[in-house]
Amino acid sequence: MKSNSEDVFAITKLQGKQFNKILFDMDGVITSEALYWDTAALTVYELLFDRQDCKVEDVSQIHDTIFSGRDFINALKVRGVNTNWDLALIAYCLSKHLKSDLQELDNEHFQKMLDFANSLPNTAAEVYDISYNLAAKATGKDYSYFVREKGEFWTKLQKVFAYWFVDKELYKTERPVVPLDQMQTLFKNMFDCGIKLGVGTGRPNSELQRPLDMWDIAKYFDEESVIGYTDIINAEKTCGNGVSLAKPHPYVFLKGAAGKRYTDQQLLDGTHDNITEGVLVVGDAVADFVSAKDGGFAFAAVLTGVSGNDMRGYFEQNGADYIFDDVLGLADLL
């Protein structure tokens, strides 16, 4: 565990606080986001150019061009756009708006896309709405075609993403965000202390389970508290109110905290006993923070997301309960 001076904010606030359950976001907290960013870039590349001809050595160039290094990713993350599917969706929409007939990778084009992203409003809902409208106008498609989780384009995008991540077996190169042996020790120690561990993520459940199994840490997680995109979609179908339950909605953390004690409808209606007491949410992004706080949870920020230490000010100003350089800082809870 790091014990540098910048962790003082977290360490001093930990005194006297006990948690019996900790819920983790995945990307940028447990898993490195780099592979997912690469996959999102490859997805945009194929959707824009209808090509699958890139080689492994081309991936870095494609990523760096489409996302202007990581600046475009950061521009969306600070606005609460959370998953890598969403990243690819917004990138495609904005690219089409700027040049509907783009034929090849063009640094100048994607720099303009970054500039446009930086001019967008600061809330995810507005970013989505603007992007759908612009893409619809540029392509002649209906607005509804581009809507996340509902439109035809969303289904197409997911299939392309899965082609690269699953079919091309990019998932086999996934890495943890901190040294694996130290992460294994942290989770084992928490488990041995009687703390239940869970996950709240936008990843499909199969994709969130794979690294947990591959790194031999699944045994430390409570099965009922591991919540992913599959659970989100099932809840949206069951409850049927037309509201997206993906982050920044608090559903994944409410579900992870409650396990099977309450139905999805009870969680959404608030017709349940207190399920937030003694539960800590750990995340790296604005969407994680908003989701946790709207759900009534204590929140520990880790600075291992795309913006790194630049997020410290945001989390301090908005009232994160704890701030750590990385997930290993949670050892102070034990």
C-alpha atoms as a PDB file:
ATOM      1  CA  MET A   1       0.000   0.000   0.000  1.00  0.00           C
ATOM      2  CA  LYS A   2       1.161   3.504  -0.770  1.00  0.00           C
ATOM      3  CA  SER A   3       1.576   5.793   2.222  1.00  0.00           C
ATOM      4  CA  ASN A   4       2.628   9.043   0.569  1.00  0.00           C
ATOM      5  CA  SER A   5       1.412  12.405   1.794  1.00  0.00           C
ATOM      6  CA  GLU A   6      -1.380  12.647  -0.778  1.00  0.00           C
ATOM      7  CA  ASP A   7      -3.180   9.743   0.911  1.00  0.00           C
ATOM      8  CA  VAL A   8      -3.599  11.724   4.149  1.00  0.00           C
ATOM      9  CA  PHE A   9      -7.044  12.928   3.031  1.00  0.00           C
ATOM     10  CA  ALA A  10      -8.220   9.331   2.901  1.00  0.00           C
ATOM     11  CA  ILE A  11      -6.408   7.982   5.942  1.00  0.00           C
ATOM     12  CA  THR A  12      -7.667  10.648   8.335  1.00  0.00           C
ATOM     13  CA  LYS A  13     -11.280  10.107   7.259  1.00  0.00           C
ATOM     14  CA  LEU A  14     -11.119   6.344   7.636  1.00  0.00           C
ATOM     15  CA  GLN A  15     -10.808   6.512  11.390  1.00  0.00           C
ATOM     16  CA  GLY A  16     -13.803   5.011  13.178  1.00  0.00           C
ATOM     17  CA  LYS A  17     -15.589   3.878  10.009  1.00  0.00           C
ATOM     18  CA  GLN A  18     -16.402   0.209   9.433  1.00  0.00           C
ATOM     19  CA  PHE A  19     -17.566  -1.417   6.215  1.00  0.00           C
ATOM     20  CA  ASN A  20     -18.970  -4.909   5.810  1.00  0.00           C
ATOM     21  CA  LYS A  21     -19.324  -4.767   2.018  1.00  0.00           C
ATOM     22  CA  ILE A  22     -17.256  -3.094  -0.689  1.00  0.00           C
ATOM     23  CA  LEU A  23     -18.504  -2.747  -4.274  1.00  0.00           C
ATOM     24  CA  PHE A  24     -15.957  -2.116  -7.017  1.00  0.00           C
ATOM     25  CA  ASP A  25     -16.231  -0.669 -10.477  1.00  0.00           C
ATOM     26  CA  MET A  26     -14.132  -2.773 -12.869  1.00  0.00           C
ATOM     27  CA  ASP A  27     -12.395  -0.693 -15.542  1.00  0.00           C
ATOM     28  CA  GLY A  28      -9.833   1.684 -14.116  1.00  0.00           C
ATOM     29  CA  VAL A  29     -10.241   0.175 -10.633  1.00  0.00           C
ATOM     30  CA  ILE A  30      -9.544  -3.573 -10.909  1.00  0.00           C
ATOM     31  CA  THR A  31      -8.771  -3.895 -14.610  1.00  0.00           C
ATOM     32  CA  SER A  32      -6.708  -1.567 -16.742  1.00  0.00           C
ATOM     33  CA  GLU A  33      -8.894   0.334 -19.194  1.00  0.00           C
ATOM     34  CA  ALA A  34      -6.259   0.342 -21.945  1.00  0.00           C
ATOM     35  CA  LEU A  35      -7.492  -2.796 -23.698  1.00  0.00           C
ATOM     36  CA  TYR A  36     -11.091  -1.587 -23.726  1.00  0.00           C
ATOM     37  CA  TRP A  37     -10.021   1.763 -25.165  1.00  0.00           C
ATOM     38  CA  ASP A  38      -8.157  -0.068 -27.916  1.00  0.00           C
ATOM     39  CA  THR A  39     -11.240  -2.177 -28.624  1.00  0.00           C
ATOM     40  CA  ALA A  40     -13.454   0.912 -28.713  1.00  0.00           C
ATOM     41  CA  ALA A  41     -11.070   2.532 -31.211  1.00  0.00           C
ATOM     42  CA  LEU A  42     -11.130  -0.568 -33.419  1.00  0.00           C
ATOM     43  CA  THR A  43     -14.923  -0.533 -33.223  1.00  0.00           C
ATOM     44  CA  VAL A  44     -15.111   3.081 -34.402  1.00  0.00           C
ATOM     45  CA  TYR A  45     -12.592   2.296 -37.156  1.00  0.00           C
ATOM     46  CA  GLU A  46     -14.694  -0.563 -38.506  1.00  0.00           C
ATOM     47  CA  LEU A  47     -17.991   1.317 -38.220  1.00  0.00           C
ATOM     48  CA  LEU A  48     -16.642   4.396 -40.000  1.00  0.00           C
ATOM     49  CA  PHE A  49     -14.756   2.628 -42.782  1.00  0.00           C
ATOM     50  CA  ASP A  50     -16.451  -0.801 -42.933  1.00  0.00           C
ATOM     51  CA  ARG A  51     -13.004  -2.407 -42.677  1.00  0.00           C
ATOM     52  CA  GLN A  52     -11.442  -5.122 -40.525  1.00  0.00           C
ATOM     53  CA  ASP A  53      -8.045  -4.980 -42.199  1.00  0.00           C
ATOM     54  CA  CYS A  54      -5.959  -3.564 -39.360  1.00  0.00           C
ATOM     55  CA  LYS A  55      -3.146  -5.566 -37.794  1.00  0.00           C
ATOM     56  CA  VAL A  56      -1.994  -5.711 -34.187  1.00  0.00           C
ATOM     57  CA  GLU A  57       0.774  -3.234 -34.905  1.00  0.00           C
ATOM     58  CA  ASP A  58      -1.837  -0.784 -36.261  1.00  0.00           C
ATOM     59  CA  VAL A  59      -3.922  -0.637 -33.073  1.00  0.00           C
ATOM     60  CA  SER A  60      -1.889   2.030 -31.289  1.00  0.00           C
ATOM     61  CA  GLN A  61      -2.025   4.345 -34.295  1.00  0.00           C
ATOM     62  CA  ILE A  62      -5.769   3.824 -34.701  1.00  0.00           C
ATOM     63  CA  HIS A  63      -6.335   4.485 -30.989  1.00  0.00           C
ATOM     64  CA  ASP A  64      -4.102   7.551 -30.860  1.00  0.00           C
ATOM     65  CA  THR A  65      -5.628   9.053 -34.007  1.00  0.00           C
ATOM     66  CA  ILE A  66      -9.317   8.493 -33.246  1.00  0.00           C
ATOM     67  CA  PHE A  67      -9.077   9.420 -29.571  1.00  0.00           C
ATOM     68  CA  SER A  68      -6.318  12.065 -29.914  1.00  0.00           C
ATOM     69  CA  GLY A  69      -4.162  10.071 -27.566  1.00  0.00           C
ATOM     70  CA  ARG A  70      -6.510   9.837 -24.596  1.00  0.00           C
ATOM     71  CA  ASP A  71      -7.827  13.398 -24.687  1.00  0.00           C
ATOM     72  CA  PHE A  72     -11.144  12.471 -26.329  1.00  0.00           C
ATOM     73  CA  ILE A  73     -11.734   9.712 -23.777  1.00  0.00           C
ATOM     74  CA  ASN A  74     -11.066  12.150 -20.963  1.00  0.00           C
ATOM     75  CA  ALA A  75     -13.408  14.740 -22.481  1.00  0.00           C
ATOM     76  CA  LEU A  76     -16.279  12.238 -22.358  1.00  0.00           C
ATOM     77  CA  LYS A  77     -15.412  10.688 -18.991  1.00  0.00           C
ATOM     78  CA  VAL A  78     -15.527  14.030 -17.174  1.00  0.00           C
ATOM     79  CA  ARG A  79     -18.998  14.529 -18.646  1.00  0.00           C
ATOM     80  CA  GLY A  80     -20.220  11.228 -17.175  1.00  0.00           C
ATOM     81  CA  VAL A  81     -20.105   9.160 -20.380  1.00  0.00           C
ATOM     82  CA  ASN A  82     -18.964   5.929 -18.821  1.00  0.00           C
ATOM     83  CA  THR A  83     -18.732   2.706 -20.825  1.00  0.00           C
ATOM     84  CA  ASN A  84     -16.519   1.966 -23.787  1.00  0.00           C
ATOM     85  CA  TRP A  85     -19.562   1.184 -25.912  1.00  0.00           C
ATOM     86  CA  ASP A  86     -20.725   4.728 -25.164  1.00  0.00           C
ATOM     87  CA  LEU A  87     -17.283   6.065 -26.031  1.00  0.00           C
ATOM     88  CA  ALA A  88     -17.459   4.384 -29.439  1.00  0.00           C
ATOM     89  CA  LEU A  89     -21.043   5.529 -29.973  1.00  0.00           C
ATOM     90  CA  ILE A  90     -20.335   9.213 -29.316  1.00  0.00           C
ATOM     91  CA  ALA A  91     -17.114   9.129 -31.359  1.00  0.00           C
ATOM     92  CA  TYR A  92     -18.967   7.692 -34.359  1.00  0.00           C
ATOM     93  CA  CYS A  93     -21.807  10.224 -34.079  1.00  0.00           C
ATOM     94  CA  LEU A  94     -19.507  13.236 -33.811  1.00  0.00           C
ATOM     95  CA  SER A  95     -17.261  11.996 -36.611  1.00  0.00           C
ATOM     96  CA  LYS A  96     -20.247  11.625 -38.926  1.00  0.00           C
ATOM     97  CA  HIS A  97     -21.394  15.130 -38.030  1.00  0.00           C
ATOM     98  CA  LEU A  98     -18.034  16.638 -38.893  1.00  0.00           C
ATOM     99  CA  LYS A  99     -17.549  14.668 -42.104  1.00  0.00           C
ATOM    100  CA  SER A 100     -20.162  12.130 -43.132  1.00  0.00           C
ATOM    101  CA  ASP A 101     -18.060  10.611 -45.922  1.00  0.00           C
ATOM    102  CA  LEU A 102     -14.694  10.261 -44.173  1.00  0.00           C
ATOM    103  CA  GLN A 103     -12.587   7.757 -46.119  1.00  0.00           C
ATOM    104  CA  GLU A 104      -9.460   7.316 -44.015  1.00  0.00           C
ATOM    105  CA  LEU A 105      -7.815   8.104 -40.696  1.00  0.00           C
ATOM    106  CA  ASP A 106      -7.143  11.823 -40.593  1.00  0.00           C
ATOM    107  CA  ASN A 107      -5.480  13.444 -37.597  1.00  0.00           C
ATOM    108  CA  GLU A 108      -6.933  16.853 -38.380  1.00  0.00           C
ATOM    109  CA  HIS A 109     -10.475  15.449 -38.540  1.00  0.00           C
ATOM    110  CA  PHE A 110     -10.204  13.744 -35.164  1.00  0.00           C
ATOM    111  CA  GLN A 111      -8.594  16.797 -33.602  1.00  0.00           C
ATOM    112  CA  LYS A 112     -11.690  18.725 -34.671  1.00  0.00           C
ATOM    113  CA  MET A 113     -13.768  15.959 -33.082  1.00  0.00           C
ATOM    114  CA  LEU A 114     -11.873  16.450 -29.813  1.00  0.00           C
ATOM    115  CA  ASP A 115     -12.402  20.205 -29.973  1.00  0.00           C
ATOM    116  CA  PHE A 116     -16.104  19.648 -30.532  1.00  0.00           C
ATOM    117  CA  ALA A 117     -16.288  17.202 -27.610  1.00  0.00           C
ATOM    118  CA  ASN A 118     -14.658  19.768 -25.345  1.00  0.00           C
ATOM    119  CA  SER A 119     -17.401  22.235 -26.242  1.00  0.00           C
ATOM    120  CA  LEU A 120     -20.225  19.882 -25.257  1.00  0.00           C
ATOM    121  CA  PRO A 121     -22.350  20.398 -22.106  1.00  0.00           C
ATOM    122  CA  ASN A 122     -21.149  18.838 -18.865  1.00  0.00           C
ATOM    123  CA  THR A 123     -23.935  16.288 -18.405  1.00  0.00           C
ATOM    124  CA  ALA A 124     -24.027  12.902 -20.107  1.00  0.00           C
ATOM    125  CA  ALA A 125     -27.730  13.136 -20.998  1.00  0.00           C
ATOM    126  CA  GLU A 126     -27.130  16.308 -23.013  1.00  0.00           C
ATOM    127  CA  VAL A 127     -24.058  14.794 -24.698  1.00  0.00           C
ATOM    128  CA  TYR A 128     -26.082  11.792 -25.854  1.00  0.00           C
ATOM    129  CA  ASP A 129     -28.994  13.898 -27.086  1.00  0.00           C
ATOM    130  CA  ILE A 130     -26.787  16.258 -29.082  1.00  0.00           C
ATOM    131  CA  SER A 131     -24.807  13.361 -30.572  1.00  0.00           C
ATOM    132  CA  TYR A 132     -27.919  11.456 -31.692  1.00  0.00           C
ATOM    133  CA  ASN A 133     -29.353  14.568 -33.333  1.00  0.00           C
ATOM    134  CA  LEU A 134     -26.134  15.409 -35.159  1.00  0.00           C
ATOM    135  CA  ALA A 135     -25.609  11.852 -36.417  1.00  0.00           C
ATOM    136  CA  ALA A 136     -29.217  11.593 -37.562  1.00  0.00           C
ATOM    137  CA  LYS A 137     -28.910  14.807 -39.558  1.00  0.00           C
ATOM    138  CA  ALA A 138     -25.578  13.753 -41.076  1.00  0.00           C
ATOM    139  CA  THR A 139     -26.696  10.259 -42.116  1.00  0.00           C
ATOM    140  CA  GLY A 140     -30.394  10.692 -42.842  1.00  0.00           C
ATOM    141  CA  LYS A 141     -31.259   8.107 -40.178  1.00  0.00           C
ATOM    142  CA  ASP A 142     -33.877   8.631 -37.499  1.00  0.00           C
ATOM    143  CA  TYR A 143     -32.818   9.903 -34.089  1.00  0.00           C
ATOM    144  CA  SER A 144     -34.037   6.609 -32.586  1.00  0.00           C
ATOM    145  CA  TYR A 145     -31.555   4.639 -34.706  1.00  0.00           C
ATOM    146  CA  PHE A 146     -28.650   5.899 -32.602  1.00  0.00           C
ATOM    147  CA  VAL A 147     -30.136   5.781 -29.086  1.00  0.00           C
ATOM    148  CA  ARG A 148     -28.024   3.743 -26.687  1.00  0.00           C
ATOM    149  CA  GLU A 149     -29.510   0.426 -25.526  1.00  0.00           C
ATOM    150  CA  LYS A 150     -32.559   0.852 -27.802  1.00  0.00           C
ATOM    151  CA  GLY A 151     -31.518   1.792 -31.335  1.00  0.00           C
ATOM    152  CA  GLU A 152     -30.408  -0.516 -34.136  1.00  0.00           C
ATOM    153  CA  PHE A 153     -26.987   1.105 -34.228  1.00  0.00           C
ATOM    154  CA  TRP A 154     -26.369   0.164 -30.580  1.00  0.00           C
ATOM    155  CA  THR A 155     -26.857  -3.513 -31.406  1.00  0.00           C
ATOM    156  CA  LYS A 156     -24.561  -3.227 -34.400  1.00  0.00           C
ATOM    157  CA  LEU A 157     -21.910  -1.467 -32.325  1.00  0.00           C
ATOM    158  CA  GLN A 158     -22.002  -4.150 -29.628  1.00  0.00           C
ATOM    159  CA  LYS A 159     -21.510  -6.885 -32.226  1.00  0.00           C
ATOM    160  CA  VAL A 160     -18.500  -5.104 -33.726  1.00  0.00           C
ATOM    161  CA  PHE A 161     -17.007  -4.547 -30.266  1.00  0.00           C
ATOM    162  CA  ALA A 162     -17.507  -8.233 -29.418  1.00  0.00           C
ATOM    163  CA  TYR A 163     -15.814  -9.258 -32.678  1.00  0.00           C
ATOM    164  CA  TRP A 164     -12.603  -7.540 -31.635  1.00  0.00           C
ATOM    165  CA  PHE A 165     -12.718  -8.230 -27.909  1.00  0.00           C
ATOM    166  CA  VAL A 166     -14.018 -11.813 -27.914  1.00  0.00           C
ATOM    167  CA  ASP A 167     -13.697 -13.333 -31.394  1.00  0.00           C
ATOM    168  CA  LYS A 168     -10.223 -11.875 -31.989  1.00  0.00           C
ATOM    169  CA  GLU A 169      -9.377 -12.814 -28.383  1.00  0.00           C
ATOM    170  CA  LEU A 170      -8.099  -9.421 -27.296  1.00  0.00           C
ATOM    171  CA  TYR A 171      -9.471 -10.247 -23.842  1.00  0.00           C
ATOM    172  CA  LYS A 172      -6.571 -12.640 -23.309  1.00  0.00           C
ATOM    173  CA  THR A 173      -4.199  -9.674 -23.064  1.00  0.00           C
ATOM    174  CA  GLU A 174      -6.165  -7.879 -20.335  1.00  0.00           C
ATOM    175  CA  ARG A 175      -4.113  -6.733 -17.343  1.00  0.00           C
ATOM    176  CA  PRO A 176      -4.942  -5.643 -13.775  1.00  0.00           C
ATOM    177  CA  VAL A 177      -4.520  -1.990 -12.922  1.00  0.00           C
ATOM    178  CA  VAL A 178      -2.050  -2.767 -10.093  1.00  0.00           C
ATOM    179  CA  PRO A 179       0.400  -5.676  -9.687  1.00  0.00           C
ATOM    180  CA  LEU A 180      -1.633  -8.882  -9.555  1.00  0.00           C
ATOM    181  CA  ASP A 181       0.042 -10.382  -6.505  1.00  0.00           C
ATOM    182  CA  GLN A 182      -0.673  -7.238  -4.487  1.00  0.00           C
ATOM    183  CA  MET A 183      -4.290  -7.180  -5.667  1.00  0.00           C
ATOM    184  CA  GLN A 184      -4.736 -10.842  -4.749  1.00  0.00           C
ATOM    185  CA  THR A 185      -3.344 -10.179  -1.274  1.00  0.00           C
ATOM    186  CA  LEU A 186      -5.649  -7.180  -0.778  1.00  0.00           C
ATOM    187  CA  PHE A 187      -8.798  -9.093  -1.723  1.00  0.00           C
ATOM    188  CA  LYS A 188      -7.789 -12.139   0.325  1.00  0.00           C
ATOM    189  CA  ASN A 189      -7.178  -9.996   3.396  1.00  0.00           C
ATOM    190  CA  MET A 190     -10.539  -8.275   2.984  1.00  0.00           C
ATOM    191  CA  PHE A 191     -12.253 -11.629   2.529  1.00  0.00           C
ATOM    192  CA  ASP A 192     -10.526 -13.040   5.610  1.00  0.00           C
ATOM    193  CA  CYS A 193     -11.717 -10.013   7.602  1.00  0.00           C
ATOM    194  CA  GLY A 194     -15.316 -10.882   6.733  1.00  0.00           C
ATOM    195  CA  ILE A 195     -15.870  -8.075   4.232  1.00  0.00           C
ATOM    196  CA  LYS A 196     -18.140  -9.072   1.342  1.00  0.00           C
ATOM    197  CA  LEU A 197     -16.802  -7.972  -2.030  1.00  0.00           C
ATOM    198  CA  GLY A 198     -18.914  -7.152  -5.066  1.00  0.00           C
ATOM    199  CA  VAL A 199     -18.821  -5.462  -8.467  1.00  0.00           C
ATOM    200  CA  GLY A 200     -20.981  -2.815 -10.122  1.00  0.00           C
ATOM    201  CA  THR A 201     -20.042  -2.311 -13.767  1.00  0.00           C
ATOM    202  CA  GLY A 202     -21.351  -1.681 -17.247  1.00  0.00           C
ATOM    203  CA  ARG A 203     -19.482  -4.705 -18.577  1.00  0.00           C
ATOM    204  CA  PRO A 204     -21.490  -7.720 -19.740  1.00  0.00           C
ATOM    205  CA  ASN A 205     -21.471 -10.309 -16.969  1.00  0.00           C
ATOM    206  CA  SER A 206     -19.372 -12.779 -18.951  1.00  0.00           C
ATOM    207  CA  GLU A 207     -16.721 -10.125 -19.564  1.00  0.00           C
ATOM    208  CA  LEU A 208     -16.579  -9.035 -15.937  1.00  0.00           C
ATOM    209  CA  GLN A 209     -16.302 -12.632 -14.741  1.00  0.00           C
ATOM    210  CA  ARG A 210     -13.474 -13.573 -17.101  1.00  0.00           C
ATOM    211  CA  PRO A 211     -10.667 -11.523 -15.458  1.00  0.00           C
ATOM    212  CA  LEU A 212     -11.871 -12.461 -11.972  1.00  0.00           C
ATOM    213  CA  ASP A 213     -11.486 -16.123 -12.927  1.00  0.00           C
ATOM    214  CA  MET A 214      -8.283 -15.632 -14.922  1.00  0.00           C
ATOM    215  CA  TRP A 215      -6.564 -13.840 -12.032  1.00  0.00           C
ATOM    216  CA  ASP A 216      -7.858 -16.277  -9.371  1.00  0.00           C
ATOM    217  CA  ILE A 217      -9.744 -13.631  -7.394  1.00  0.00           C
ATOM    218  CA  ALA A 218     -13.346 -14.663  -8.145  1.00  0.00           C
ATOM    219  CA  LYS A 219     -13.327 -16.788  -4.969  1.00  0.00           C
ATOM    220  CA  TYR A 220     -13.167 -13.628  -2.864  1.00  0.00           C
ATOM    221  CA  PHE A 221     -16.315 -12.082  -4.384  1.00  0.00           C
ATOM    222  CA  ASP A 222     -19.884 -12.667  -3.250  1.00  0.00           C
ATOM    223  CA  GLU A 223     -21.781 -14.016  -6.256  1.00  0.00           C
ATOM    224  CA  GLU A 224     -25.000 -12.169  -5.388  1.00  0.00           C
ATOM    225  CA  SER A 225     -23.097  -8.876  -5.234  1.00  0.00           C
ATOM    226  CA  VAL A 226     -21.472  -9.067  -8.694  1.00  0.00           C
ATOM    227  CA  ILE A 227     -23.660  -6.942 -10.983  1.00  0.00           C
ATOM    228  CA  GLY A 228     -23.071  -6.186 -14.662  1.00  0.00           C
ATOM    229  CA  TYR A 229     -24.713  -5.067 -17.877  1.00  0.00           C
ATOM    230  CA  THR A 230     -26.715  -8.277 -18.195  1.00  0.00           C
ATOM    231  CA  ASP A 231     -28.422  -7.478 -14.892  1.00  0.00           C
ATOM    232  CA  ILE A 232     -29.068  -3.911 -16.052  1.00  0.00           C
ATOM    233  CA  ILE A 233     -30.806  -5.055 -19.224  1.00  0.00           C
ATOM    234  CA  ASN A 234     -32.871  -7.667 -17.381  1.00  0.00           C
ATOM    235  CA  ALA A 235     -34.020  -5.063 -14.857  1.00  0.00           C
ATOM    236  CA  GLU A 236     -34.930  -2.602 -17.610  1.00  0.00           C
ATOM    237  CA  LYS A 237     -37.044  -5.280 -19.293  1.00  0.00           C
ATOM    238  CA  THR A 238     -38.704  -6.371 -16.053  1.00  0.00           C
ATOM    239  CA  CYS A 239     -39.472  -2.944 -14.673  1.00  0.00           C
ATOM    240  CA  GLY A 240     -40.316  -1.488 -18.069  1.00  0.00           C
ATOM    241  CA  ASN A 241     -40.350   2.201 -17.211  1.00  0.00           C
ATOM    242  CA  GLY A 242     -38.150   3.254 -20.134  1.00  0.00           C
ATOM    243  CA  VAL A 243     -35.395   4.674 -17.923  1.00  0.00           C
ATOM    244  CA  SER A 244     -31.788   3.621 -18.490  1.00  0.00           C
ATOM    245  CA  LEU A 245     -30.421   1.870 -15.406  1.00  0.00           C
ATOM    246  CA  ALA A 246     -26.789   2.105 -16.518  1.00  0.00           C
ATOM    247  CA  LYS A 247     -24.479   4.435 -14.599  1.00  0.00           C
ATOM    248  CA  PRO A 248     -24.862   7.186 -13.534  1.00  0.00           C
ATOM    249  CA  HIS A 249     -28.110   5.569 -12.349  1.00  0.00           C
ATOM    250  CA  PRO A 250     -27.403   3.930  -8.954  1.00  0.00           C
ATOM    251  CA  TYR A 251     -29.032   0.590  -9.868  1.00  0.00           C
ATOM    252  CA  VAL A 252     -25.860  -1.544 -10.124  1.00  0.00           C
ATOM    253  CA  PHE A 253     -24.722  -0.509  -6.653  1.00  0.00           C
ATOM    254  CA  LEU A 254     -28.187  -0.824  -5.112  1.00  0.00           C
ATOM    255  CA  LYS A 255     -28.449  -4.315  -6.577  1.00  0.00           C
ATOM    256  CA  GLY A 256     -24.954  -5.216  -5.401  1.00  0.00           C
ATOM    257  CA  ALA A 257     -25.725  -4.002  -1.891  1.00  0.00           C
ATOM    258  CA  ALA A 258     -29.080  -5.789  -1.664  1.00  0.00           C
ATOM    259  CA  GLY A 259     -28.211  -9.076  -3.344  1.00  0.00           C
ATOM    260  CA  LYS A 260     -31.402 -11.122  -3.611  1.00  0.00           C
ATOM    261  CA  ARG A 261     -33.138  -9.520  -0.641  1.00  0.00           C
ATOM    262  CA  TYR A 262     -35.283  -7.249  -2.812  1.00  0.00           C
ATOM    263  CA  THR A 263     -36.723  -7.273  -6.311  1.00  0.00           C
ATOM    264  CA  ASP A 264     -35.503  -4.831  -8.912  1.00  0.00           C
ATOM    265  CA  GLN A 265     -38.805  -2.987  -8.680  1.00  0.00           C
ATOM    266  CA  GLN A 266     -38.433  -2.583  -4.922  1.00  0.00           C
ATOM    267  CA  LEU A 267     -34.916  -1.239  -5.400  1.00  0.00           C
ATOM    268  CA  LEU A 268     -36.114   1.285  -7.957  1.00  0.00           C
ATOM    269  CA  ASP A 269     -39.200   2.275  -5.954  1.00  0.00           C
ATOM    270  CA  GLY A 270     -37.226   2.642  -2.737  1.00  0.00           C
ATOM    271  CA  THR A 271     -39.542   0.195  -0.952  1.00  0.00           C
ATOM    272  CA  HIS A 272     -36.801  -1.514   1.013  1.00  0.00           C
ATOM    273  CA  ASP A 273     -34.936  -1.186   4.277  1.00  0.00           C
ATOM    274  CA  ASN A 274     -31.607   0.635   4.532  1.00  0.00           C
ATOM    275  CA  ILE A 275     -29.140  -1.226   2.326  1.00  0.00           C
ATOM    276  CA  THR A 276     -26.411   1.417   2.152  1.00  0.00           C
ATOM    277  CA  GLU A 277     -25.163   1.367   5.734  1.00  0.00           C
ATOM    278  CA  GLY A 278     -21.738  -0.247   5.947  1.00  0.00           C
ATOM    279  CA  VAL A 279     -21.343  -0.379   2.149  1.00  0.00           C
ATOM    280  CA  LEU A 280     -18.504   1.375   0.334  1.00  0.00           C
ATOM    281  CA  VAL A 281     -18.391   1.959  -3.436  1.00  0.00           C
ATOM    282  CA  VAL A 282     -14.992   2.219  -5.143  1.00  0.00           C
ATOM    283  CA  GLY A 283     -14.687   3.929  -8.526  1.00  0.00           C
ATOM    284  CA  ASP A 284     -12.484   6.083 -10.709  1.00  0.00           C
ATOM    285  CA  ALA A 285     -14.934   8.098 -12.812  1.00  0.00           C
ATOM    286  CA  VAL A 286     -17.582  10.793 -12.547  1.00  0.00           C
ATOM    287  CA  ALA A 287     -20.303   8.273 -13.424  1.00  0.00           C
ATOM    288  CA  ASP A 288     -19.203   6.008 -10.552  1.00  0.00           C
ATOM    289  CA  PHE A 289     -19.269   8.909  -8.103  1.00  0.00           C
ATOM    290  CA  VAL A 290     -22.695  10.188  -9.190  1.00  0.00           C
ATOM    291  CA  SER A 291     -24.118   6.666  -9.175  1.00  0.00           C
ATOM    292  CA  ALA A 292     -22.831   5.967  -5.664  1.00  0.00           C
ATOM    293  CA  LYS A 293     -23.886   9.287  -4.188  1.00  0.00           C
ATOM    294  CA  ASP A 294     -27.355   9.181  -5.753  1.00  0.00           C
ATOM    295  CA  GLY A 295     -27.724   5.733  -4.205  1.00  0.00           C
ATOM    296  CA  GLY A 296     -26.705   7.001  -0.772  1.00  0.00           C
ATOM    297  CA  PHE A 297     -23.378   5.148  -0.541  1.00  0.00           C
ATOM    298  CA  ALA A 298     -20.010   6.149   0.851  1.00  0.00           C
ATOM    299  CA  PHE A 299     -17.519   6.538  -2.004  1.00  0.00           C
ATOM    300  CA  ALA A 300     -13.805   5.856  -2.319  1.00  0.00           C
ATOM    301  CA  ALA A 301     -12.165   7.401  -5.374  1.00  0.00           C
ATOM    302  CA  VAL A 302      -9.090   5.835  -6.951  1.00  0.00           C
ATOM    303  CA  LEU A 303      -6.905   7.846  -9.301  1.00  0.00           C
ATOM    304  CA  THR A 304      -6.209   5.110 -11.841  1.00  0.00           C
ATOM    305  CA  GLY A 305      -8.732   6.140 -14.489  1.00  0.00           C
ATOM    306  CA  VAL A 306      -8.015   7.931 -17.741  1.00  0.00           C
ATOM    307  CA  SER A 307      -7.543  11.306 -16.014  1.00  0.00           C
ATOM    308  CA  GLY A 308      -5.286   9.965 -13.270  1.00  0.00           C
ATOM    309  CA  ASN A 309      -4.356  12.411 -10.546  1.00  0.00           C
ATOM    310  CA  ASP A 310      -6.177  15.218 -12.387  1.00  0.00           C
ATOM    311  CA  MET A 311      -9.409  13.811 -10.892  1.00  0.00           C
ATOM    312  CA  ARG A 312      -8.271  14.475  -7.331  1.00  0.00           C
ATOM    313  CA  GLY A 313      -9.623  18.022  -7.365  1.00  0.00           C
ATOM    314  CA  TYR A 314     -13.018  16.919  -8.678  1.00  0.00           C
ATOM    315  CA  PHE A 315     -13.406  14.250  -6.001  1.00  0.00           C
ATOM    316  CA  GLU A 316     -12.274  16.584  -3.210  1.00  0.00           C
ATOM    317  CA  GLN A 317     -14.570  19.407  -4.313  1.00  0.00           C
ATOM    318  CA  ASN A 318     -17.597  17.144  -4.713  1.00  0.00           C
ATOM    319  CA  GLY A 319     -17.263  15.311  -1.427  1.00  0.00           C
ATOM    320  CA  ALA A 320     -15.753  11.896  -2.083  1.00  0.00           C
ATOM    321  CA  ASP A 321     -15.383  10.202   1.296  1.00  0.00           C
ATOM    322  CA  TYR A 322     -11.938   8.782   0.556  1.00  0.00           C
ATOM    323  CA  ILE A 323      -9.334   9.289  -2.148  1.00  0.00           C
ATOM    324  CA  PHE A 324      -6.547   6.815  -2.914  1.00  0.00           C
ATOM    325  CA  ASP A 325      -3.832   6.679  -5.539  1.00  0.00           C
ATOM    326  CA  ASP A 326      -5.064   3.192  -6.425  1.00  0.00           C
ATOM    327  CA  VAL A 327      -7.134   0.340  -5.054  1.00  0.00           C
ATOM    328  CA  LEU A 328      -4.292  -0.855  -2.826  1.00  0.00           C
ATOM    329  CA  GLY A 329      -4.965   2.137  -0.579  1.00  0.00           C
ATOM    330  CA  LEU A 330      -8.042   0.296   0.680  1.00  0.00           C
ATOM    331  CA  ALA A 331      -5.712  -1.737   2.914  1.00  0.00           C
ATOM    332  CA  ASP A 332      -6.180   1.110   5.414  1.00  0.00           C
ATOM    333  CA  LEU A 333      -9.690  -0.227   6.012  1.00  0.00           C
ATOM    334  CA  LEU A 334      -8.351  -3.419   7.564  1.00  0.00           C
END
